[in-house]
Amino acid sequence: MTTSPALPSAAPSLDAGRHENGAKRAVRGTLVKVLLHERTERGMVLEPFAARCVRRGEVHELLTTDRWTDVPGSRVDRVGFLGFVELENGGVVDRGDTVLIGDEPVGTVLGFDGCHLPNHYNIVIHAARLLTGRSLALAPETPVVFVPAD
């Protein structure tokens, strides 16, 4: 198990396939809507993809979970909703990327849930505890950055 400072621990499986990946740029965006709630029976399902290509102008939902799993098809019930982010540049969001909101690390990308496609992805972020837009005092126009993993 590897541990990043100030972030929750991550399982070694995040490193799977990294030897195939070169450098990439950060994906940046702006929070456009804040969400305040959490749920314990959400029933999201992790997609089998370790990465998703995203386009400038797309809007995706951000949520946190304090439960760790990296098994595709796993059910994710405990979630805290952060809000929606509009992307300022295209790029690739990878499992394991660090998510900064307002320059503060929130957690790492755990995976993606596609229940709302083609409208948007739910980007599932692993955090030490459930976080919501309320618990982080988020506001529209707050910057969001998906920082490439080392």
N, C-alpha and C. Protein backbone atom coordinates (compact mmCIF):
# COMPACT_ATOMS: atom_id res chain seq x y z
N MET A 1 0.85 -1.18 0.00
CA MET A 1 0.00 0.00 0.00
C MET A 1 0.89 1.24 0.00
N THR A 2 0.57 2.21 -0.87
CA THR A 2 1.34 3.45 -0.91
C THR A 2 0.53 4.56 -0.27
N THR A 3 1.21 5.54 0.27
CA THR A 3 0.51 6.64 0.93
C THR A 3 1.06 7.96 0.43
N SER A 4 0.17 8.86 0.08
CA SER A 4 0.55 10.21 -0.32
C SER A 4 0.35 11.14 0.87
N PRO A 5 1.24 12.11 1.08
CA PRO A 5 1.03 13.05 2.18
C PRO A 5 -0.29 13.79 2.01
N ALA A 6 -1.02 13.95 3.08
CA ALA A 6 -2.26 14.74 3.14
C ALA A 6 -3.40 14.13 2.33
N LEU A 7 -3.20 12.91 1.79
CA LEU A 7 -4.25 12.26 1.05
C LEU A 7 -4.47 10.86 1.61
N PRO A 8 -5.66 10.29 1.40
CA PRO A 8 -5.92 8.94 1.88
C PRO A 8 -5.03 7.94 1.17
N SER A 9 -4.78 6.80 1.82
CA SER A 9 -3.93 5.79 1.23
C SER A 9 -4.62 5.17 0.02
N ALA A 10 -3.82 4.69 -0.91
CA ALA A 10 -4.34 4.09 -2.12
C ALA A 10 -3.75 2.69 -2.29
N ALA A 11 -4.51 1.81 -2.87
CA ALA A 11 -4.06 0.44 -3.10
C ALA A 11 -3.06 0.42 -4.25
N PRO A 12 -2.16 -0.56 -4.26
CA PRO A 12 -1.15 -0.65 -5.31
C PRO A 12 -1.73 -0.77 -6.70
N SER A 13 -2.96 -1.22 -6.85
CA SER A 13 -3.53 -1.41 -8.17
C SER A 13 -3.61 -0.11 -8.97
N LEU A 14 -3.54 1.03 -8.31
CA LEU A 14 -3.50 2.30 -9.05
C LEU A 14 -2.27 2.37 -9.94
N ASP A 15 -1.23 1.62 -9.60
CA ASP A 15 -0.01 1.64 -10.39
C ASP A 15 -0.07 0.72 -11.61
N ALA A 16 -1.08 -0.14 -11.66
CA ALA A 16 -1.19 -1.08 -12.77
C ALA A 16 -1.26 -0.30 -14.09
N GLY A 17 -0.38 -0.67 -15.03
CA GLY A 17 -0.38 -0.05 -16.34
C GLY A 17 0.35 1.27 -16.42
N ARG A 18 0.87 1.79 -15.30
CA ARG A 18 1.55 3.10 -15.33
C ARG A 18 2.78 3.07 -16.22
N HIS A 19 3.42 1.91 -16.34
CA HIS A 19 4.61 1.82 -17.18
C HIS A 19 4.29 2.10 -18.64
N GLU A 20 3.01 2.07 -19.00
CA GLU A 20 2.59 2.35 -20.36
C GLU A 20 2.30 3.83 -20.59
N ASN A 21 2.17 4.59 -19.53
CA ASN A 21 1.72 5.97 -19.63
C ASN A 21 2.88 6.95 -19.55
N GLY A 22 2.87 7.92 -20.46
CA GLY A 22 3.82 9.01 -20.41
C GLY A 22 3.22 10.19 -19.68
N ALA A 23 3.90 11.32 -19.76
CA ALA A 23 3.45 12.53 -19.08
C ALA A 23 2.14 13.03 -19.71
N LYS A 24 1.37 13.76 -18.93
CA LYS A 24 0.14 14.38 -19.43
C LYS A 24 -0.05 15.71 -18.73
N ARG A 25 -0.91 16.55 -19.29
CA ARG A 25 -1.19 17.82 -18.66
C ARG A 25 -2.35 17.67 -17.67
N ALA A 26 -2.43 18.61 -16.77
CA ALA A 26 -3.54 18.64 -15.82
C ALA A 26 -4.81 19.04 -16.55
N VAL A 27 -5.93 18.52 -16.09
CA VAL A 27 -7.24 18.94 -16.59
C VAL A 27 -7.78 19.95 -15.59
N ARG A 28 -8.16 21.11 -16.09
CA ARG A 28 -8.62 22.21 -15.23
C ARG A 28 -10.08 22.53 -15.51
N GLY A 29 -10.74 23.01 -14.48
CA GLY A 29 -12.13 23.39 -14.64
C GLY A 29 -12.56 24.35 -13.56
N THR A 30 -13.84 24.67 -13.60
CA THR A 30 -14.44 25.60 -12.66
C THR A 30 -15.74 25.01 -12.14
N LEU A 31 -15.93 25.08 -10.84
CA LEU A 31 -17.18 24.60 -10.25
C LEU A 31 -18.33 25.49 -10.72
N VAL A 32 -19.38 24.88 -11.26
CA VAL A 32 -20.51 25.65 -11.76
C VAL A 32 -21.77 25.47 -10.92
N LYS A 33 -21.82 24.41 -10.13
CA LYS A 33 -22.96 24.19 -9.23
C LYS A 33 -22.46 23.39 -8.04
N VAL A 34 -22.87 23.81 -6.85
CA VAL A 34 -22.49 23.14 -5.61
C VAL A 34 -23.62 22.21 -5.19
N LEU A 35 -23.25 21.01 -4.74
CA LEU A 35 -24.20 20.06 -4.18
C LEU A 35 -23.91 19.87 -2.70
N LEU A 36 -24.94 19.65 -1.91
CA LEU A 36 -24.80 19.70 -0.45
C LEU A 36 -25.07 18.39 0.28
N HIS A 37 -25.54 17.38 -0.39
CA HIS A 37 -26.04 16.19 0.28
C HIS A 37 -25.09 15.00 0.22
N GLU A 38 -25.44 13.99 1.00
CA GLU A 38 -24.74 12.71 0.94
C GLU A 38 -25.79 11.61 0.97
N ARG A 39 -25.38 10.43 0.49
CA ARG A 39 -26.28 9.28 0.49
C ARG A 39 -25.50 8.04 0.89
N THR A 40 -26.19 7.10 1.50
CA THR A 40 -25.54 5.85 1.91
C THR A 40 -26.04 4.64 1.13
N GLU A 41 -26.98 4.84 0.20
CA GLU A 41 -27.50 3.76 -0.63
C GLU A 41 -27.60 4.22 -2.08
N ARG A 42 -26.56 4.85 -2.61
CA ARG A 42 -26.62 5.46 -3.95
C ARG A 42 -26.64 4.44 -5.08
N GLY A 43 -25.89 3.35 -4.95
CA GLY A 43 -25.91 2.30 -5.96
C GLY A 43 -25.18 2.63 -7.25
N MET A 44 -24.16 3.47 -7.19
CA MET A 44 -23.35 3.73 -8.38
C MET A 44 -22.51 2.49 -8.68
N VAL A 45 -22.11 2.35 -9.93
CA VAL A 45 -21.31 1.21 -10.35
C VAL A 45 -20.05 1.73 -11.03
N LEU A 46 -18.88 1.29 -10.56
CA LEU A 46 -17.62 1.74 -11.16
C LEU A 46 -17.47 1.14 -12.56
N GLU A 47 -17.26 2.01 -13.54
CA GLU A 47 -17.01 1.58 -14.91
C GLU A 47 -15.68 0.82 -14.97
N PRO A 48 -15.49 -0.02 -15.99
CA PRO A 48 -14.25 -0.79 -16.08
C PRO A 48 -13.06 0.02 -16.58
N PHE A 49 -13.25 1.30 -16.86
CA PHE A 49 -12.19 2.12 -17.45
C PHE A 49 -11.33 2.78 -16.39
N ALA A 50 -10.00 2.76 -16.58
CA ALA A 50 -9.08 3.43 -15.67
C ALA A 50 -8.90 4.89 -16.05
N ALA A 51 -9.36 5.29 -17.24
CA ALA A 51 -9.19 6.66 -17.71
C ALA A 51 -10.37 7.03 -18.60
N ARG A 52 -10.64 8.33 -18.64
CA ARG A 52 -11.66 8.87 -19.54
C ARG A 52 -11.11 10.12 -20.20
N CYS A 53 -11.27 10.21 -21.51
CA CYS A 53 -10.93 11.43 -22.23
C CYS A 53 -12.07 12.42 -22.02
N VAL A 54 -11.72 13.66 -21.80
CA VAL A 54 -12.72 14.70 -21.58
C VAL A 54 -12.43 15.87 -22.52
N ARG A 55 -13.49 16.61 -22.83
CA ARG A 55 -13.37 17.74 -23.76
C ARG A 55 -13.61 19.06 -23.04
N ARG A 56 -12.96 20.09 -23.58
CA ARG A 56 -13.22 21.44 -23.09
C ARG A 56 -14.71 21.73 -23.18
N GLY A 57 -15.25 22.32 -22.13
CA GLY A 57 -16.65 22.70 -22.11
C GLY A 57 -17.58 21.64 -21.54
N GLU A 58 -17.12 20.41 -21.40
CA GLU A 58 -17.97 19.38 -20.80
C GLU A 58 -18.21 19.69 -19.33
N VAL A 59 -19.35 19.22 -18.83
CA VAL A 59 -19.69 19.37 -17.42
C VAL A 59 -19.83 17.97 -16.83
N HIS A 60 -19.14 17.71 -15.72
CA HIS A 60 -19.19 16.41 -15.05
C HIS A 60 -19.44 16.62 -13.56
N GLU A 61 -20.02 15.60 -12.94
CA GLU A 61 -20.36 15.66 -11.51
C GLU A 61 -19.21 15.08 -10.69
N LEU A 62 -18.92 15.74 -9.57
CA LEU A 62 -17.87 15.28 -8.65
C LEU A 62 -18.52 14.80 -7.36
N LEU A 63 -18.08 13.64 -6.90
CA LEU A 63 -18.57 13.13 -5.62
C LEU A 63 -17.45 12.37 -4.93
N THR A 64 -17.60 12.23 -3.62
CA THR A 64 -16.59 11.53 -2.84
C THR A 64 -17.18 10.26 -2.25
N THR A 65 -16.28 9.32 -1.96
CA THR A 65 -16.64 8.13 -1.19
C THR A 65 -15.48 7.84 -0.24
N ASP A 66 -15.81 7.32 0.93
CA ASP A 66 -14.77 6.94 1.88
C ASP A 66 -14.52 5.43 1.85
N ARG A 67 -15.12 4.76 0.91
CA ARG A 67 -14.94 3.31 0.74
C ARG A 67 -13.98 3.07 -0.41
N TRP A 68 -13.01 2.20 -0.19
CA TRP A 68 -12.02 1.90 -1.22
C TRP A 68 -12.41 0.63 -1.96
N THR A 69 -12.43 0.69 -3.26
CA THR A 69 -12.49 -0.48 -4.13
C THR A 69 -11.98 -0.03 -5.49
N ASP A 70 -11.30 -0.92 -6.17
CA ASP A 70 -10.89 -0.61 -7.54
C ASP A 70 -11.34 -1.70 -8.49
N VAL A 71 -12.32 -2.49 -8.05
CA VAL A 71 -12.82 -3.59 -8.85
C VAL A 71 -13.93 -3.07 -9.78
N PRO A 72 -13.73 -3.17 -11.11
CA PRO A 72 -14.77 -2.72 -12.03
C PRO A 72 -16.09 -3.41 -11.72
N GLY A 73 -17.17 -2.66 -11.81
CA GLY A 73 -18.48 -3.20 -11.52
C GLY A 73 -18.87 -3.13 -10.06
N SER A 74 -17.93 -2.69 -9.20
CA SER A 74 -18.24 -2.58 -7.77
C SER A 74 -19.31 -1.53 -7.54
N ARG A 75 -20.15 -1.81 -6.58
CA ARG A 75 -21.21 -0.88 -6.20
C ARG A 75 -20.64 0.13 -5.21
N VAL A 76 -20.96 1.41 -5.42
CA VAL A 76 -20.53 2.47 -4.53
C VAL A 76 -21.79 3.11 -3.94
N ASP A 77 -22.01 2.87 -2.66
CA ASP A 77 -23.22 3.36 -2.00
C ASP A 77 -22.99 4.64 -1.19
N ARG A 78 -21.88 4.71 -0.45
CA ARG A 78 -21.61 5.86 0.42
C ARG A 78 -20.97 6.97 -0.40
N VAL A 79 -21.72 8.02 -0.67
CA VAL A 79 -21.20 9.12 -1.47
C VAL A 79 -21.58 10.47 -0.88
N GLY A 80 -20.67 11.42 -1.01
CA GLY A 80 -20.90 12.81 -0.67
C GLY A 80 -20.79 13.61 -1.97
N PHE A 81 -21.77 14.43 -2.23
CA PHE A 81 -21.83 15.17 -3.49
C PHE A 81 -21.16 16.53 -3.35
N LEU A 82 -20.23 16.83 -4.27
CA LEU A 82 -19.51 18.10 -4.25
C LEU A 82 -20.13 19.12 -5.19
N GLY A 83 -20.39 18.72 -6.42
CA GLY A 83 -20.96 19.64 -7.39
C GLY A 83 -20.60 19.27 -8.80
N PHE A 84 -20.84 20.21 -9.71
CA PHE A 84 -20.56 20.01 -11.13
C PHE A 84 -19.42 20.93 -11.55
N VAL A 85 -18.52 20.39 -12.37
CA VAL A 85 -17.37 21.14 -12.86
C VAL A 85 -17.45 21.26 -14.37
N GLU A 86 -17.22 22.48 -14.88
CA GLU A 86 -17.09 22.70 -16.31
C GLU A 86 -15.61 22.69 -16.64
N LEU A 87 -15.22 21.88 -17.61
CA LEU A 87 -13.80 21.72 -17.94
C LEU A 87 -13.33 22.84 -18.86
N GLU A 88 -12.17 23.39 -18.52
CA GLU A 88 -11.58 24.49 -19.29
C GLU A 88 -10.67 24.00 -20.39
N ASN A 89 -10.20 22.75 -20.29
CA ASN A 89 -9.36 22.17 -21.33
C ASN A 89 -9.64 20.68 -21.44
N GLY A 90 -9.43 20.17 -22.64
CA GLY A 90 -9.54 18.74 -22.83
C GLY A 90 -8.34 18.04 -22.26
N GLY A 91 -8.47 16.75 -22.10
CA GLY A 91 -7.36 15.96 -21.57
C GLY A 91 -7.84 14.58 -21.18
N VAL A 92 -7.09 13.97 -20.29
CA VAL A 92 -7.40 12.62 -19.82
C VAL A 92 -7.45 12.66 -18.30
N VAL A 93 -8.55 12.18 -17.73
CA VAL A 93 -8.65 12.02 -16.28
C VAL A 93 -8.40 10.55 -16.00
N ASP A 94 -7.41 10.27 -15.16
CA ASP A 94 -7.01 8.90 -14.83
C ASP A 94 -7.36 8.55 -13.40
N ARG A 95 -7.68 7.28 -13.18
CA ARG A 95 -7.78 6.77 -11.82
C ARG A 95 -6.43 7.05 -11.15
N GLY A 96 -6.46 7.61 -9.95
CA GLY A 96 -5.23 7.94 -9.22
C GLY A 96 -4.84 9.40 -9.30
N ASP A 97 -5.43 10.17 -10.23
CA ASP A 97 -5.15 11.61 -10.28
C ASP A 97 -5.59 12.26 -8.97
N THR A 98 -4.84 13.23 -8.50
CA THR A 98 -5.23 14.00 -7.33
C THR A 98 -6.20 15.08 -7.76
N VAL A 99 -7.25 15.28 -6.96
CA VAL A 99 -8.24 16.32 -7.26
C VAL A 99 -8.04 17.47 -6.28
N LEU A 100 -7.78 18.64 -6.83
CA LEU A 100 -7.66 19.86 -6.04
C LEU A 100 -8.90 20.70 -6.29
N ILE A 101 -9.49 21.20 -5.23
CA ILE A 101 -10.59 22.15 -5.36
C ILE A 101 -10.18 23.38 -4.58
N GLY A 102 -10.06 24.51 -5.29
CA GLY A 102 -9.57 25.73 -4.65
C GLY A 102 -8.17 25.54 -4.10
N ASP A 103 -7.32 24.82 -4.81
CA ASP A 103 -5.92 24.56 -4.43
C ASP A 103 -5.76 23.61 -3.25
N GLU A 104 -6.85 23.04 -2.73
CA GLU A 104 -6.77 22.10 -1.61
C GLU A 104 -7.00 20.68 -2.13
N PRO A 105 -6.15 19.71 -1.74
CA PRO A 105 -6.37 18.33 -2.14
C PRO A 105 -7.62 17.76 -1.47
N VAL A 106 -8.50 17.18 -2.28
CA VAL A 106 -9.73 16.58 -1.78
C VAL A 106 -9.60 15.07 -1.71
N GLY A 107 -8.88 14.47 -2.63
CA GLY A 107 -8.71 13.02 -2.68
C GLY A 107 -8.16 12.62 -4.03
N THR A 108 -8.33 11.34 -4.37
CA THR A 108 -7.83 10.83 -5.64
C THR A 108 -8.98 10.21 -6.44
N VAL A 109 -8.89 10.33 -7.76
CA VAL A 109 -9.91 9.75 -8.62
C VAL A 109 -9.91 8.24 -8.42
N LEU A 110 -11.07 7.71 -8.02
CA LEU A 110 -11.24 6.27 -7.81
C LEU A 110 -11.76 5.63 -9.09
N GLY A 111 -12.61 6.34 -9.80
CA GLY A 111 -13.18 5.79 -11.02
C GLY A 111 -14.33 6.63 -11.52
N PHE A 112 -15.14 6.02 -12.37
CA PHE A 112 -16.19 6.74 -13.08
C PHE A 112 -17.48 5.92 -13.05
N ASP A 113 -18.59 6.61 -12.89
CA ASP A 113 -19.91 6.00 -12.96
C ASP A 113 -20.63 6.64 -14.13
N GLY A 114 -21.19 5.83 -15.01
CA GLY A 114 -21.79 6.34 -16.22
C GLY A 114 -23.31 6.32 -16.23
N CYS A 115 -23.96 6.31 -15.07
CA CYS A 115 -25.42 6.18 -15.03
C CYS A 115 -26.14 7.36 -15.67
N HIS A 116 -25.49 8.52 -15.81
CA HIS A 116 -26.15 9.68 -16.41
C HIS A 116 -25.72 9.94 -17.86
N LEU A 117 -24.89 9.05 -18.41
CA LEU A 117 -24.46 9.23 -19.80
C LEU A 117 -25.66 9.17 -20.74
N PRO A 118 -25.66 9.95 -21.82
CA PRO A 118 -24.56 10.74 -22.34
C PRO A 118 -24.47 12.16 -21.76
N ASN A 119 -25.27 12.47 -20.75
CA ASN A 119 -25.27 13.81 -20.21
C ASN A 119 -23.96 14.14 -19.51
N HIS A 120 -23.53 13.29 -18.58
CA HIS A 120 -22.28 13.55 -17.86
C HIS A 120 -21.81 12.29 -17.13
N TYR A 121 -20.54 12.26 -16.79
CA TYR A 121 -19.97 11.23 -15.92
C TYR A 121 -20.08 11.69 -14.48
N ASN A 122 -20.21 10.72 -13.58
CA ASN A 122 -19.95 10.95 -12.16
C ASN A 122 -18.48 10.57 -11.97
N ILE A 123 -17.67 11.52 -11.53
CA ILE A 123 -16.26 11.23 -11.25
C ILE A 123 -16.17 10.97 -9.75
N VAL A 124 -15.85 9.71 -9.42
CA VAL A 124 -15.84 9.25 -8.03
C VAL A 124 -14.44 9.48 -7.46
N ILE A 125 -14.39 10.22 -6.36
CA ILE A 125 -13.13 10.61 -5.71
C ILE A 125 -13.04 9.90 -4.36
N HIS A 126 -11.94 9.17 -4.15
CA HIS A 126 -11.74 8.53 -2.85
C HIS A 126 -11.17 9.57 -1.88
N ALA A 127 -11.80 9.68 -0.71
CA ALA A 127 -11.37 10.61 0.34
C ALA A 127 -11.39 9.88 1.68
N ALA A 128 -10.73 10.44 2.66
CA ALA A 128 -10.67 9.82 3.98
C ALA A 128 -12.04 9.77 4.64
N ARG A 129 -12.90 10.75 4.31
CA ARG A 129 -14.27 10.77 4.84
C ARG A 129 -15.17 11.36 3.77
N LEU A 130 -16.47 11.14 3.92
CA LEU A 130 -17.41 11.71 2.96
C LEU A 130 -17.34 13.23 3.03
N LEU A 131 -17.16 13.84 1.89
CA LEU A 131 -17.12 15.30 1.79
C LEU A 131 -18.25 15.75 0.88
N THR A 132 -18.83 16.89 1.20
CA THR A 132 -19.88 17.48 0.37
C THR A 132 -19.51 18.93 0.07
N GLY A 133 -20.26 19.52 -0.84
CA GLY A 133 -20.08 20.95 -1.09
C GLY A 133 -20.26 21.77 0.16
N ARG A 134 -21.18 21.33 1.02
CA ARG A 134 -21.42 22.04 2.29
C ARG A 134 -20.23 21.89 3.24
N SER A 135 -19.73 20.67 3.41
CA SER A 135 -18.64 20.46 4.37
C SER A 135 -17.35 21.15 3.95
N LEU A 136 -17.18 21.37 2.64
CA LEU A 136 -16.00 22.09 2.14
C LEU A 136 -16.27 23.56 1.90
N ALA A 137 -17.48 24.03 2.18
CA ALA A 137 -17.88 25.43 1.96
C ALA A 137 -17.56 25.86 0.52
N LEU A 138 -17.93 25.02 -0.44
CA LEU A 138 -17.65 25.32 -1.83
C LEU A 138 -18.57 26.40 -2.36
N ALA A 139 -18.12 27.07 -3.40
CA ALA A 139 -18.90 28.12 -4.05
C ALA A 139 -18.68 28.02 -5.56
N PRO A 140 -19.67 28.42 -6.35
CA PRO A 140 -19.45 28.47 -7.80
C PRO A 140 -18.23 29.34 -8.13
N GLU A 141 -17.59 29.00 -9.21
CA GLU A 141 -16.38 29.65 -9.73
C GLU A 141 -15.10 29.20 -9.01
N THR A 142 -15.20 28.24 -8.10
CA THR A 142 -14.00 27.69 -7.46
C THR A 142 -13.24 26.84 -8.47
N PRO A 143 -11.92 27.03 -8.58
CA PRO A 143 -11.14 26.22 -9.54
C PRO A 143 -11.03 24.77 -9.08
N VAL A 144 -11.03 23.88 -10.08
CA VAL A 144 -10.86 22.44 -9.88
C VAL A 144 -9.74 21.99 -10.80
N VAL A 145 -8.82 21.17 -10.27
CA VAL A 145 -7.72 20.66 -11.09
C VAL A 145 -7.57 19.17 -10.83
N PHE A 146 -7.45 18.40 -11.92
CA PHE A 146 -7.12 16.98 -11.84
C PHE A 146 -5.62 16.90 -12.13
N VAL A 147 -4.84 16.67 -11.07
CA VAL A 147 -3.38 16.68 -11.17
C VAL A 147 -2.90 15.26 -11.49
N PRO A 148 -2.07 15.12 -12.53
CA PRO A 148 -1.59 13.80 -12.86
C PRO A 148 -0.86 13.14 -11.69
N ALA A 149 -1.09 11.83 -11.53
CA ALA A 149 -0.38 11.07 -10.51
C ALA A 149 1.09 10.99 -10.90
N ASP A 150 1.94 10.84 -9.90
CA ASP A 150 3.40 10.74 -10.16
C ASP A 150 3.74 9.55 -11.02
